[in-house]
C-alpha atoms as a PDB file:
ATOM      1  CA  UNK A   1      26.863 -79.614  -7.278  1.00  0.00           C
ATOM      2  CA  UNK A   2      27.142 -76.908  -9.928  1.00  0.00           C
ATOM      3  CA  UNK A   3      23.532 -75.913  -9.331  1.00  0.00           C
ATOM      4  CA  UNK A   4      24.152 -75.606  -5.605  1.00  0.00           C
ATOM      5  CA  UNK A   5      27.203 -73.379  -6.253  1.00  0.00           C
ATOM      6  CA  UNK A   6      25.151 -71.103  -8.483  1.00  0.00           C
ATOM      7  CA  UNK A   7      22.440 -70.831  -5.834  1.00  0.00           C
ATOM      8  CA  UNK A   8      25.003 -70.070  -3.109  1.00  0.00           C
ATOM      9  CA  UNK A   9      26.628 -67.389  -5.271  1.00  0.00           C
ATOM     10  CA  UNK A  10      23.308 -65.795  -5.930  1.00  0.00           C
ATOM     11  CA  UNK A  11      22.573 -65.754  -2.227  1.00  0.00           C
ATOM     12  CA  UNK A  12      25.871 -64.002  -1.520  1.00  0.00           C
ATOM     13  CA  UNK A  13      25.030 -61.443  -4.145  1.00  0.00           C
ATOM     14  CA  UNK A  14      21.703 -60.840  -2.512  1.00  0.00           C
ATOM     15  CA  UNK A  15      23.376 -60.228   0.833  1.00  0.00           C
ATOM     16  CA  UNK A  16      25.810 -57.801  -0.767  1.00  0.00           C
ATOM     17  CA  UNK A  17      23.034 -55.901  -2.468  1.00  0.00           C
ATOM     18  CA  UNK A  18      20.981 -55.821   0.702  1.00  0.00           C
ATOM     19  CA  UNK A  19      24.004 -54.620   2.612  1.00  0.00           C
ATOM     20  CA  UNK A  20      24.637 -51.856   0.096  1.00  0.00           C
ATOM     21  CA  UNK A  21      21.070 -50.626   0.174  1.00  0.00           C
ATOM     22  CA  UNK A  22      21.036 -50.870   3.934  1.00  0.00           C
ATOM     23  CA  UNK A  23      24.154 -48.736   4.073  1.00  0.00           C
ATOM     24  CA  UNK A  24      22.720 -46.274   1.541  1.00  0.00           C
ATOM     25  CA  UNK A  25      19.481 -46.091   3.484  1.00  0.00           C
ATOM     26  CA  UNK A  26      21.395 -45.479   6.679  1.00  0.00           C
ATOM     27  CA  UNK A  27      23.376 -42.679   5.078  1.00  0.00           C
ATOM     28  CA  UNK A  28      20.175 -41.204   3.672  1.00  0.00           C
ATOM     29  CA  UNK A  29      18.421 -41.387   7.013  1.00  0.00           C
ATOM     30  CA  UNK A  30      21.400 -39.814   8.746  1.00  0.00           C
ATOM     31  CA  UNK A  31      21.734 -37.105   6.107  1.00  0.00           C
ATOM     32  CA  UNK A  32      18.123 -36.147   5.574  1.00  0.00           C
ATOM     33  CA  UNK A  33      16.308 -37.171   8.738  1.00  0.00           C
ATOM     34  CA  UNK A  34      18.678 -35.955  11.438  1.00  0.00           C
ATOM     35  CA  UNK A  35      18.253 -32.489  12.924  1.00  0.00           C
ATOM     36  CA  UNK A  36      19.831 -29.555  11.125  1.00  0.00           C
ATOM     37  CA  UNK A  37      20.979 -26.829  13.538  1.00  0.00           C
ATOM     38  CA  UNK A  38      21.845 -23.176  13.020  1.00  0.00           C
ATOM     39  CA  UNK A  39      23.719 -20.918  15.450  1.00  0.00           C
ATOM     40  CA  UNK A  40      21.323 -17.930  15.604  1.00  0.00           C
ATOM     41  CA  UNK A  41      18.556 -17.352  18.125  1.00  0.00           C
ATOM     42  CA  UNK A  42      15.467 -19.275  17.142  1.00  0.00           C
ATOM     43  CA  UNK A  43      13.177 -19.053  15.374  1.00  0.00           C
ATOM     44  CA  UNK A  44      14.860 -17.458  12.366  1.00  0.00           C
ATOM     45  CA  UNK A  45      12.699 -15.255  10.121  1.00  0.00           C
ATOM     46  CA  UNK A  46      13.132 -16.177   6.472  1.00  0.00           C
ATOM     47  CA  UNK A  47      11.414 -14.540   3.490  1.00  0.00           C
ATOM     48  CA  UNK A  48      10.698 -16.155   0.125  1.00  0.00           C
ATOM     49  CA  UNK A  49       9.818 -13.513  -2.440  1.00  0.00           C
ATOM     50  CA  UNK A  50       7.295 -13.990  -5.189  1.00  0.00           C
ATOM     51  CA  UNK A  51       8.878 -15.462  -8.300  1.00  0.00           C
ATOM     52  CA  UNK A  52      11.987 -16.811  -6.575  1.00  0.00           C
ATOM     53  CA  UNK A  53      13.197 -20.155  -7.938  1.00  0.00           C
ATOM     54  CA  UNK A  54      13.821 -23.114  -5.653  1.00  0.00           C
ATOM     55  CA  UNK A  55      17.562 -22.827  -6.305  1.00  0.00           C
ATOM     56  CA  UNK A  56      17.447 -19.187  -5.173  1.00  0.00           C
ATOM     57  CA  UNK A  57      15.566 -20.189  -2.033  1.00  0.00           C
ATOM     58  CA  UNK A  58      18.134 -22.896  -1.210  1.00  0.00           C
ATOM     59  CA  UNK A  59      20.998 -20.493  -1.870  1.00  0.00           C
ATOM     60  CA  UNK A  60      19.468 -17.872   0.450  1.00  0.00           C
ATOM     61  CA  UNK A  61      18.909 -20.467   3.184  1.00  0.00           C
ATOM     62  CA  UNK A  62      22.562 -21.402   2.935  1.00  0.00           C
ATOM     63  CA  UNK A  63      23.745 -17.777   2.820  1.00  0.00           C
ATOM     64  CA  UNK A  64      21.781 -17.010   5.974  1.00  0.00           C
ATOM     65  CA  UNK A  65      23.327 -20.143   7.553  1.00  0.00           C
ATOM     66  CA  UNK A  66      19.953 -21.738   8.214  1.00  0.00           C
ATOM     67  CA  UNK A  67      21.085 -24.913   6.438  1.00  0.00           C
ATOM     68  CA  UNK A  68      24.565 -26.371   6.195  1.00  0.00           C
ATOM     69  CA  UNK A  69      24.210 -28.121   2.826  1.00  0.00           C
ATOM     70  CA  UNK A  70      22.501 -26.877  -0.320  1.00  0.00           C
ATOM     71  CA  UNK A  71      22.942 -30.313  -1.923  1.00  0.00           C
ATOM     72  CA  UNK A  72      21.130 -32.130   0.867  1.00  0.00           C
ATOM     73  CA  UNK A  73      18.071 -29.893   0.648  1.00  0.00           C
ATOM     74  CA  UNK A  74      18.019 -30.073  -3.145  1.00  0.00           C
ATOM     75  CA  UNK A  75      18.330 -33.867  -3.037  1.00  0.00           C
ATOM     76  CA  UNK A  76      15.547 -34.101  -0.466  1.00  0.00           C
ATOM     77  CA  UNK A  77      13.364 -31.989  -2.761  1.00  0.00           C
ATOM     78  CA  UNK A  78      14.298 -34.203  -5.715  1.00  0.00           C
ATOM     79  CA  UNK A  79      13.379 -37.360  -3.820  1.00  0.00           C
ATOM     80  CA  UNK A  80      10.046 -35.903  -2.701  1.00  0.00           C
ATOM     81  CA  UNK A  81       9.344 -34.183  -6.033  1.00  0.00           C
ATOM     82  CA  UNK A  82       8.575 -30.905  -4.294  1.00  0.00           C
ATOM     83  CA  UNK A  83      11.120 -28.472  -5.732  1.00  0.00           C
ATOM     84  CA  UNK A  84       8.497 -26.486  -7.659  1.00  0.00           C
ATOM     85  CA  UNK A  85       5.928 -26.263  -4.874  1.00  0.00           C
ATOM     86  CA  UNK A  86       7.662 -24.009  -2.346  1.00  0.00           C
ATOM     87  CA  UNK A  87       5.433 -21.019  -1.513  1.00  0.00           C
ATOM     88  CA  UNK A  88       6.327 -17.368  -1.200  1.00  0.00           C
ATOM     89  CA  UNK A  89       5.879 -15.924   2.254  1.00  0.00           C
ATOM     90  CA  UNK A  90       7.553 -15.063   5.537  1.00  0.00           C
ATOM     91  CA  UNK A  91       8.545 -18.050   7.646  1.00  0.00           C
ATOM     92  CA  UNK A  92       9.558 -18.539  11.244  1.00  0.00           C
ATOM     93  CA  UNK A  93      11.933 -21.505  11.007  1.00  0.00           C
ATOM     94  CA  UNK A  94      12.552 -23.431  14.264  1.00  0.00           C
ATOM     95  CA  UNK A  95      15.981 -24.846  15.021  1.00  0.00           C
ATOM     96  CA  UNK A  96      16.685 -28.552  14.674  1.00  0.00           C
ATOM     97  CA  UNK A  97      14.509 -29.354  11.656  1.00  0.00           C
ATOM     98  CA  UNK A  98      15.499 -32.158   9.305  1.00  0.00           C
ATOM     99  CA  UNK A  99      15.748 -31.320   5.621  1.00  0.00           C
ATOM    100  CA  UNK A 100      12.433 -33.038   4.964  1.00  0.00           C
ATOM    101  CA  UNK A 101      10.774 -31.201   7.852  1.00  0.00           C
ATOM    102  CA  UNK A 102      12.099 -27.910   6.524  1.00  0.00           C
ATOM    103  CA  UNK A 103      10.693 -28.772   3.107  1.00  0.00           C
ATOM    104  CA  UNK A 104       7.330 -29.498   4.673  1.00  0.00           C
ATOM    105  CA  UNK A 105       7.293 -26.064   6.284  1.00  0.00           C
ATOM    106  CA  UNK A 106       8.106 -24.376   2.967  1.00  0.00           C
ATOM    107  CA  UNK A 107       5.561 -26.484   1.099  1.00  0.00           C
ATOM    108  CA  UNK A 108       2.625 -25.890   3.398  1.00  0.00           C
ATOM    109  CA  UNK A 109       3.216 -22.181   3.511  1.00  0.00           C
ATOM    110  CA  UNK A 110       2.359 -20.024   6.485  1.00  0.00           C
ATOM    111  CA  UNK A 111       0.061 -17.052   6.926  1.00  0.00           C
ATOM    112  CA  UNK A 112       2.211 -14.051   6.038  1.00  0.00           C
ATOM    113  CA  UNK A 113       2.902 -11.725   8.923  1.00  0.00           C
ATOM    114  CA  UNK A 114       0.874  -8.544   8.821  1.00  0.00           C
ATOM    115  CA  UNK A 115       1.430  -5.023  10.035  1.00  0.00           C
ATOM    116  CA  UNK A 116      -1.261  -2.549  11.054  1.00  0.00           C
ATOM    117  CA  UNK A 117      -0.763   0.831   9.393  1.00  0.00           C
ATOM    118  CA  UNK A 118      -2.933   3.949   9.489  1.00  0.00           C
ATOM    119  CA  UNK A 119      -2.851   6.143   6.395  1.00  0.00           C
ATOM    120  CA  UNK A 120      -4.004   9.687   7.213  1.00  0.00           C
ATOM    121  CA  UNK A 121      -6.790  11.224   5.138  1.00  0.00           C
ATOM    122  CA  UNK A 122      -5.822  13.808   2.569  1.00  0.00           C
ATOM    123  CA  UNK A 123      -2.295  12.451   2.175  1.00  0.00           C
ATOM    124  CA  UNK A 124      -0.298  13.426  -0.904  1.00  0.00           C
ATOM    125  CA  UNK A 125       0.853  10.569  -3.100  1.00  0.00           C
ATOM    126  CA  UNK A 126       4.570  11.133  -2.506  1.00  0.00           C
ATOM    127  CA  UNK A 127       3.967  11.217   1.261  1.00  0.00           C
ATOM    128  CA  UNK A 128       2.002   7.962   1.013  1.00  0.00           C
ATOM    129  CA  UNK A 129       4.907   6.388  -0.850  1.00  0.00           C
ATOM    130  CA  UNK A 130       7.296   7.610   1.847  1.00  0.00           C
ATOM    131  CA  UNK A 131       5.086   6.316   4.655  1.00  0.00           C
ATOM    132  CA  UNK A 132       4.923   2.830   3.101  1.00  0.00           C
ATOM    133  CA  UNK A 133       8.672   2.884   2.501  1.00  0.00           C
ATOM    134  CA  UNK A 134       9.315   3.591   6.181  1.00  0.00           C
ATOM    135  CA  UNK A 135       6.726   1.146   7.487  1.00  0.00           C
ATOM    136  CA  UNK A 136       6.925  -1.654   4.919  1.00  0.00           C
ATOM    137  CA  UNK A 137      10.311  -1.248   3.249  1.00  0.00           C
ATOM    138  CA  UNK A 138       8.886  -0.832  -0.263  1.00  0.00           C
ATOM    139  CA  UNK A 139      10.551   1.116  -3.064  1.00  0.00           C
ATOM    140  CA  UNK A 140       8.864   4.539  -2.923  1.00  0.00           C
ATOM    141  CA  UNK A 141      10.160   5.490  -6.388  1.00  0.00           C
ATOM    142  CA  UNK A 142       8.595   2.332  -7.822  1.00  0.00           C
ATOM    143  CA  UNK A 143       5.342   3.166  -6.029  1.00  0.00           C
ATOM    144  CA  UNK A 144       5.285   6.596  -7.674  1.00  0.00           C
ATOM    145  CA  UNK A 145       6.124   5.139 -11.092  1.00  0.00           C
ATOM    146  CA  UNK A 146       3.236   2.679 -10.821  1.00  0.00           C
ATOM    147  CA  UNK A 147       0.928   5.548  -9.865  1.00  0.00           C
ATOM    148  CA  UNK A 148       1.415   6.944 -13.366  1.00  0.00           C
ATOM    149  CA  UNK A 149       1.866   3.691 -15.290  1.00  0.00           C
ATOM    150  CA  UNK A 150      -0.961   3.526 -17.906  1.00  0.00           C
ATOM    151  CA  UNK A 151      -0.925  -0.268 -18.227  1.00  0.00           C
ATOM    152  CA  UNK A 152      -0.939  -0.883 -14.473  1.00  0.00           C
ATOM    153  CA  UNK A 153      -3.694   1.689 -13.923  1.00  0.00           C
ATOM    154  CA  UNK A 154      -5.737   0.045 -16.681  1.00  0.00           C
ATOM    155  CA  UNK A 155      -5.347  -3.330 -14.939  1.00  0.00           C
ATOM    156  CA  UNK A 156      -7.097  -1.774 -11.915  1.00  0.00           C
ATOM    157  CA  UNK A 157     -10.104  -0.762 -14.069  1.00  0.00           C
ATOM    158  CA  UNK A 158      -9.571   2.886 -13.178  1.00  0.00           C
ATOM    159  CA  UNK A 159     -10.031   5.603 -15.784  1.00  0.00           C
ATOM    160  CA  UNK A 160      -7.325   8.107 -14.926  1.00  0.00           C
ATOM    161  CA  UNK A 161      -3.723   8.933 -15.771  1.00  0.00           C
ATOM    162  CA  UNK A 162      -2.625   9.281 -12.143  1.00  0.00           C
ATOM    163  CA  UNK A 163      -3.694   7.279  -9.084  1.00  0.00           C
ATOM    164  CA  UNK A 164      -3.461  10.222  -6.701  1.00  0.00           C
ATOM    165  CA  UNK A 165      -6.940  10.515  -5.242  1.00  0.00           C
ATOM    166  CA  UNK A 166      -7.851   6.901  -6.015  1.00  0.00           C
ATOM    167  CA  UNK A 167      -6.133   5.220  -3.039  1.00  0.00           C
ATOM    168  CA  UNK A 168      -8.307   5.243   0.056  1.00  0.00           C
ATOM    169  CA  UNK A 169      -6.684   6.370   3.330  1.00  0.00           C
ATOM    170  CA  UNK A 170      -7.718   4.004   6.104  1.00  0.00           C
ATOM    171  CA  UNK A 171      -6.251   1.691   8.729  1.00  0.00           C
ATOM    172  CA  UNK A 172      -5.098  -1.516   7.049  1.00  0.00           C
ATOM    173  CA  UNK A 173      -3.355  -4.768   7.769  1.00  0.00           C
ATOM    174  CA  UNK A 174      -0.602  -5.153   5.169  1.00  0.00           C
ATOM    175  CA  UNK A 175       1.141  -8.472   4.546  1.00  0.00           C
ATOM    176  CA  UNK A 176       4.880  -8.059   5.018  1.00  0.00           C
ATOM    177  CA  UNK A 177       5.632  -9.937   1.806  1.00  0.00           C
ATOM    178  CA  UNK A 178       3.562  -7.556  -0.341  1.00  0.00           C
ATOM    179  CA  UNK A 179       5.242  -5.442  -2.980  1.00  0.00           C
ATOM    180  CA  UNK A 180       4.288  -2.024  -4.356  1.00  0.00           C
ATOM    181  CA  UNK A 181       1.650  -3.435  -6.725  1.00  0.00           C
ATOM    182  CA  UNK A 182      -0.005  -5.444  -3.960  1.00  0.00           C
ATOM    183  CA  UNK A 183      -0.358  -2.377  -1.751  1.00  0.00           C
ATOM    184  CA  UNK A 184      -1.732  -0.176  -4.518  1.00  0.00           C
ATOM    185  CA  UNK A 185      -4.261  -2.877  -5.421  1.00  0.00           C
ATOM    186  CA  UNK A 186      -5.351  -3.031  -1.767  1.00  0.00           C
ATOM    187  CA  UNK A 187      -5.877   0.738  -1.491  1.00  0.00           C
ATOM    188  CA  UNK A 188      -7.488   1.096  -4.921  1.00  0.00           C
ATOM    189  CA  UNK A 189      -9.797  -1.839  -4.207  1.00  0.00           C
ATOM    190  CA  UNK A 190     -10.924  -0.257  -0.941  1.00  0.00           C
ATOM    191  CA  UNK A 191     -11.698   2.990  -2.788  1.00  0.00           C
ATOM    192  CA  UNK A 192     -13.662   1.152  -5.492  1.00  0.00           C
ATOM    193  CA  UNK A 193     -15.858  -0.491  -2.849  1.00  0.00           C
ATOM    194  CA  UNK A 194     -17.246   2.932  -1.915  1.00  0.00           C
ATOM    195  CA  UNK A 195     -18.622   3.512  -5.391  1.00  0.00           C
ATOM    196  CA  UNK A 196     -21.580   1.156  -5.393  1.00  0.00           C
ATOM    197  CA  UNK A 197     -24.701   1.653  -7.515  1.00  0.00           C
ATOM    198  CA  UNK A 198     -26.332   4.170  -5.147  1.00  0.00           C
ATOM    199  CA  UNK A 199     -23.199   6.312  -4.997  1.00  0.00           C
ATOM    200  CA  UNK A 200     -22.858   6.291  -8.785  1.00  0.00           C
ATOM    201  CA  UNK A 201     -26.487   7.383  -9.071  1.00  0.00           C
ATOM    202  CA  UNK A 202     -25.893  10.265  -6.649  1.00  0.00           C
ATOM    203  CA  UNK A 203     -22.783  11.345  -8.586  1.00  0.00           C
ATOM    204  CA  UNK A 204     -24.848  11.497 -11.780  1.00  0.00           C
ATOM    205  CA  UNK A 205     -27.490  13.641 -10.047  1.00  0.00           C
ATOM    206  CA  UNK A 206     -24.782  16.085  -9.016  1.00  0.00           C
ATOM    207  CA  UNK A 207     -23.650  16.285 -12.623  1.00  0.00           C
ATOM    208  CA  UNK A 208     -20.225  14.959 -11.705  1.00  0.00           C
ATOM    209  CA  UNK A 209     -18.029  12.000 -12.550  1.00  0.00           C
ATOM    210  CA  UNK A 210     -16.129   9.764 -10.155  1.00  0.00           C
ATOM    211  CA  UNK A 211     -12.988  11.737 -11.078  1.00  0.00           C
ATOM    212  CA  UNK A 212     -14.504  15.159 -10.406  1.00  0.00           C
ATOM    213  CA  UNK A 213     -16.136  13.931  -7.191  1.00  0.00           C
ATOM    214  CA  UNK A 214     -12.782  12.679  -5.882  1.00  0.00           C
ATOM    215  CA  UNK A 215     -11.274  16.003  -6.918  1.00  0.00           C
ATOM    216  CA  UNK A 216     -13.868  17.895  -4.879  1.00  0.00           C
ATOM    217  CA  UNK A 217     -13.413  15.500  -1.939  1.00  0.00           C
ATOM    218  CA  UNK A 218      -9.645  16.022  -2.019  1.00  0.00           C
ATOM    219  CA  UNK A 219     -10.074  19.801  -1.749  1.00  0.00           C
ATOM    220  CA  UNK A 220     -12.496  19.394   1.170  1.00  0.00           C
ATOM    221  CA  UNK A 221     -10.067  17.043   2.926  1.00  0.00           C
ATOM    222  CA  UNK A 222      -7.240  19.489   2.375  1.00  0.00           C
ATOM    223  CA  UNK A 223      -9.158  22.412   3.884  1.00  0.00           C
ATOM    224  CA  UNK A 224      -9.856  21.161   7.393  1.00  0.00           C
ATOM    225  CA  UNK A 225      -8.985  18.579  10.011  1.00  0.00           C
ATOM    226  CA  UNK A 226     -12.471  18.850  11.518  1.00  0.00           C
ATOM    227  CA  UNK A 227     -14.751  16.263   9.968  1.00  0.00           C
ATOM    228  CA  UNK A 228     -17.730  18.140  11.424  1.00  0.00           C
ATOM    229  CA  UNK A 229     -16.987  20.992   8.980  1.00  0.00           C
ATOM    230  CA  UNK A 230     -16.630  18.893   5.842  1.00  0.00           C
ATOM    231  CA  UNK A 231     -20.240  19.104   4.614  1.00  0.00           C
ATOM    232  CA  UNK A 232     -20.373  22.851   5.247  1.00  0.00           C
ATOM    233  CA  UNK A 233     -17.134  23.412   3.343  1.00  0.00           C
ATOM    234  CA  UNK A 234     -18.501  21.211   0.573  1.00  0.00           C
ATOM    235  CA  UNK A 235     -21.607  23.409   0.397  1.00  0.00           C
ATOM    236  CA  UNK A 236     -19.446  26.531   0.082  1.00  0.00           C
ATOM    237  CA  UNK A 237     -17.561  25.130  -2.880  1.00  0.00           C
ATOM    238  CA  UNK A 238     -20.681  23.916  -4.667  1.00  0.00           C
ATOM    239  CA  UNK A 239     -22.224  27.350  -4.115  1.00  0.00           C
ATOM    240  CA  UNK A 240     -19.188  29.012  -5.643  1.00  0.00           C
ATOM    241  CA  UNK A 241     -19.174  26.631  -8.607  1.00  0.00           C
ATOM    242  CA  UNK A 242     -22.867  27.215  -9.236  1.00  0.00           C
ATOM    243  CA  UNK A 243     -22.352  30.989  -9.044  1.00  0.00           C
ATOM    244  CA  UNK A 244     -19.413  30.810 -11.499  1.00  0.00           C
ATOM    245  CA  UNK A 245     -16.976  32.083  -8.863  1.00  0.00           C
ATOM    246  CA  UNK A 246     -13.360  31.059  -8.475  1.00  0.00           C
ATOM    247  CA  UNK A 247     -12.967  28.382  -5.799  1.00  0.00           C
ATOM    248  CA  UNK A 248      -9.860  30.111  -4.387  1.00  0.00           C
ATOM    249  CA  UNK A 249      -8.986  26.984  -2.432  1.00  0.00           C
ATOM    250  CA  UNK A 250      -5.628  27.150  -0.693  1.00  0.00           C
ATOM    251  CA  UNK A 251      -5.105  23.348  -0.818  1.00  0.00           C
ATOM    252  CA  UNK A 252      -4.905  23.481  -4.607  1.00  0.00           C
ATOM    253  CA  UNK A 253      -2.044  25.972  -4.375  1.00  0.00           C
ATOM    254  CA  UNK A 254      -0.413  23.973  -1.588  1.00  0.00           C
ATOM    255  CA  UNK A 255      -0.477  21.042  -3.990  1.00  0.00           C
ATOM    256  CA  UNK A 256       1.566  23.073  -6.478  1.00  0.00           C
ATOM    257  CA  UNK A 257       4.234  23.875  -3.865  1.00  0.00           C
ATOM    258  CA  UNK A 258       4.065  20.534  -2.025  1.00  0.00           C
ATOM    259  CA  UNK A 259       7.752  19.733  -2.563  1.00  0.00           C
ATOM    260  CA  UNK A 260       8.892  23.032  -1.023  1.00  0.00           C
ATOM    261  CA  UNK A 261       9.755  22.897   2.670  1.00  0.00           C
ATOM    262  CA  UNK A 262       7.453  25.611   3.956  1.00  0.00           C
ATOM    263  CA  UNK A 263       5.009  23.629   6.116  1.00  0.00           C
ATOM    264  CA  UNK A 264       2.325  24.195   3.442  1.00  0.00           C
ATOM    265  CA  UNK A 265       2.497  27.967   3.898  1.00  0.00           C
ATOM    266  CA  UNK A 266       1.081  29.767   0.851  1.00  0.00           C
ATOM    267  CA  UNK A 267       2.672  33.085  -0.125  1.00  0.00           C
ATOM    268  CA  UNK A 268       1.044  35.797  -2.251  1.00  0.00           C
ATOM    269  CA  UNK A 269       3.423  34.991  -5.113  1.00  0.00           C
ATOM    270  CA  UNK A 270       2.175  31.395  -5.094  1.00  0.00           C
ATOM    271  CA  UNK A 271      -1.315  32.609  -5.957  1.00  0.00           C
ATOM    272  CA  UNK A 272       0.064  33.729  -9.333  1.00  0.00           C
ATOM    273  CA  UNK A 273       1.415  30.316 -10.386  1.00  0.00           C
ATOM    274  CA  UNK A 274       0.041  29.620 -13.869  1.00  0.00           C
ATOM    275  CA  UNK A 275      -1.420  26.153 -13.499  1.00  0.00           C
ATOM    276  CA  UNK A 276      -4.844  24.597 -13.989  1.00  0.00           C
ATOM    277  CA  UNK A 277      -4.498  23.488 -10.369  1.00  0.00           C
ATOM    278  CA  UNK A 278      -4.412  27.123  -9.243  1.00  0.00           C
ATOM    279  CA  UNK A 279      -8.042  27.817  -8.340  1.00  0.00           C
ATOM    280  CA  UNK A 280      -7.177  31.460  -7.687  1.00  0.00           C
ATOM    281  CA  UNK A 281      -6.681  31.886 -11.448  1.00  0.00           C
ATOM    282  CA  UNK A 282      -8.790  29.219 -13.146  1.00  0.00           C
ATOM    283  CA  UNK A 283     -12.484  28.629 -12.597  1.00  0.00           C
ATOM    284  CA  UNK A 284     -13.981  25.258 -11.837  1.00  0.00           C
ATOM    285  CA  UNK A 285     -12.363  22.194 -10.367  1.00  0.00           C
ATOM    286  CA  UNK A 286      -8.679  21.470 -10.990  1.00  0.00           C
ATOM    287  CA  UNK A 287      -7.768  18.679 -13.472  1.00  0.00           C
ATOM    288  CA  UNK A 288      -7.681  15.972 -10.807  1.00  0.00           C
ATOM    289  CA  UNK A 289      -7.491  15.137  -7.108  1.00  0.00           C
ATOM    290  CA  UNK A 290      -4.822  16.945  -5.120  1.00  0.00           C
ATOM    291  CA  UNK A 291      -4.510  14.242  -2.456  1.00  0.00           C
ATOM    292  CA  UNK A 292      -6.067  10.946  -1.438  1.00  0.00           C
ATOM    293  CA  UNK A 293      -9.353  11.858   0.272  1.00  0.00           C
ATOM    294  CA  UNK A 294     -10.909   9.736   3.006  1.00  0.00           C
ATOM    295  CA  UNK A 295     -14.464   8.423   3.300  1.00  0.00           C
ATOM    296  CA  UNK A 296     -15.721  11.414   5.295  1.00  0.00           C
ATOM    297  CA  UNK A 297     -14.580  13.884   2.652  1.00  0.00           C
ATOM    298  CA  UNK A 298     -16.059  11.741  -0.131  1.00  0.00           C
ATOM    299  CA  UNK A 299     -19.407  11.608   1.682  1.00  0.00           C
ATOM    300  CA  UNK A 300     -19.253  15.372   2.205  1.00  0.00           C
ATOM    301  CA  UNK A 301     -18.687  15.851  -1.525  1.00  0.00           C
ATOM    302  CA  UNK A 302     -21.677  13.588  -2.192  1.00  0.00           C
ATOM    303  CA  UNK A 303     -23.942  15.252   0.367  1.00  0.00           C
ATOM    304  CA  UNK A 304     -23.011  18.936   0.742  1.00  0.00           C
ATOM    305  CA  UNK A 305     -24.737  21.009   3.371  1.00  0.00           C
ATOM    306  CA  UNK A 306     -27.472  23.211   1.927  1.00  0.00           C
ATOM    307  CA  UNK A 307     -26.836  26.862   2.824  1.00  0.00           C
ATOM    308  CA  UNK A 308     -26.071  30.271   1.310  1.00  0.00           C
ATOM    309  CA  UNK A 309     -22.471  30.575   2.469  1.00  0.00           C
ATOM    310  CA  UNK A 310     -19.713  31.517   0.039  1.00  0.00           C
ATOM    311  CA  UNK A 311     -16.670  32.265   2.204  1.00  0.00           C
ATOM    312  CA  UNK A 312     -14.684  30.861   5.099  1.00  0.00           C
ATOM    313  CA  UNK A 313     -11.394  31.547   6.838  1.00  0.00           C
ATOM    314  CA  UNK A 314      -9.429  29.853   9.617  1.00  0.00           C
ATOM    315  CA  UNK A 315     -10.548  30.907  13.103  1.00  0.00           C
ATOM    316  CA  UNK A 316      -7.330  30.086  14.979  1.00  0.00           C
ATOM    317  CA  UNK A 317      -8.952  27.296  16.988  1.00  0.00           C
ATOM    318  CA  UNK A 318      -8.843  24.458  14.486  1.00  0.00           C
ATOM    319  CA  UNK A 319     -12.058  25.453  12.725  1.00  0.00           C
ATOM    320  CA  UNK A 320     -13.322  28.116  10.321  1.00  0.00           C
ATOM    321  CA  UNK A 321     -15.522  31.225  10.309  1.00  0.00           C
ATOM    322  CA  UNK A 322     -18.136  31.031   7.543  1.00  0.00           C
ATOM    323  CA  UNK A 323     -19.959  33.931   5.936  1.00  0.00           C
ATOM    324  CA  UNK A 324     -22.477  34.696   3.213  1.00  0.00           C
ATOM    325  CA  UNK A 325     -21.274  38.140   2.250  1.00  0.00           C
ATOM    326  CA  UNK A 326     -17.842  39.318   1.235  1.00  0.00           C
ATOM    327  CA  UNK A 327     -18.014  42.210   3.724  1.00  0.00           C
ATOM    328  CA  UNK A 328     -18.433  39.692   6.560  1.00  0.00           C
ATOM    329  CA  UNK A 329     -15.612  37.634   5.160  1.00  0.00           C
ATOM    330  CA  UNK A 330     -13.245  40.604   5.184  1.00  0.00           C
ATOM    331  CA  UNK A 331     -13.958  41.132   8.881  1.00  0.00           C
ATOM    332  CA  UNK A 332     -13.254  37.459   9.576  1.00  0.00           C
ATOM    333  CA  UNK A 333     -10.021  37.670   7.607  1.00  0.00           C
ATOM    334  CA  UNK A 334      -8.905  40.621   9.708  1.00  0.00           C
ATOM    335  CA  UNK A 335      -9.663  38.636  12.879  1.00  0.00           C
ATOM    336  CA  UNK A 336      -7.576  35.805  11.495  1.00  0.00           C
ATOM    337  CA  UNK A 337      -4.672  38.164  10.723  1.00  0.00           C
ATOM    338  CA  UNK A 338      -4.769  39.580  14.271  1.00  0.00           C
ATOM    339  CA  UNK A 339      -4.640  36.022  15.586  1.00  0.00           C
ATOM    340  CA  UNK A 340      -1.739  35.250  13.257  1.00  0.00           C
ATOM    341  CA  UNK A 341       0.218  38.294  14.451  1.00  0.00           C
ATOM    342  CA  UNK A 342      -0.386  37.268  18.061  1.00  0.00           C
ATOM    343  CA  UNK A 343       1.257  33.916  17.349  1.00  0.00           C
ATOM    344  CA  UNK A 344       4.479  35.604  16.314  1.00  0.00           C
END
């Protein structure tokens, strides 16, 4: 009889335990496997930044009212052991996901959204930073700081003290979750791809370095918007260098006054600015690139047109008049001045 009582008691206990776990399982299923709704239009865009902790992600989801309970999502992550595996990226989160379904979305990751952006050739570094700030929402001041950060520049395997000239203008797809470093790496990497073995060999034959070649290319890019003129302009500057003449390149002076709101207009007083970048005073190439040159300008610097021209001036139609002799150049300058007066 006593044995039977013990067995009956044990059976009751088993029912109680089963009932408890059944209740707990029901609560868990209700809590974690029922749909979680938000009130905004779906799908909601949600961004997880690089380096964000899981707690920060959960907090942001709650702040943006995508989830109603931080505890439930954290507990679901604890149960599944996935708290440390959430991936950075930009997510489109549908309405009505359970907490476990939401976790699955954040764990698998999604291809980051991308934006197509065209960077114009010959763009100044501060204008590039401003363009990416407007288009991508980056910190333009941080972009400029990184452009002169010795340690960051070293990490790119670039031998310079300033990245101006080393970021290739082109049309790119940028991931929306990229930061300033990511974008600089993209542009610098694209520039590095140009300098293969054959290009390096050609640079050596010209008696230049990668730095001086990019400097020449930046001046060429700054002189004209007509790609068809680039190689001829390049030839003029190499001729002047070989003759020991001053380059007298307006873009180098425009670089010195780039923060003044004059629409790049160079005044006579600007030609007297005492700077190594002023090619009206100092012979040879300036210390470094004056903008970020594009592929066409780089190729023009590599393969200048062979001729005996030493001068050129704007012709009023988007191109330039070239001449061998100074006397011819003076006549072309006077034509340009008549055109300029007619515009007023």
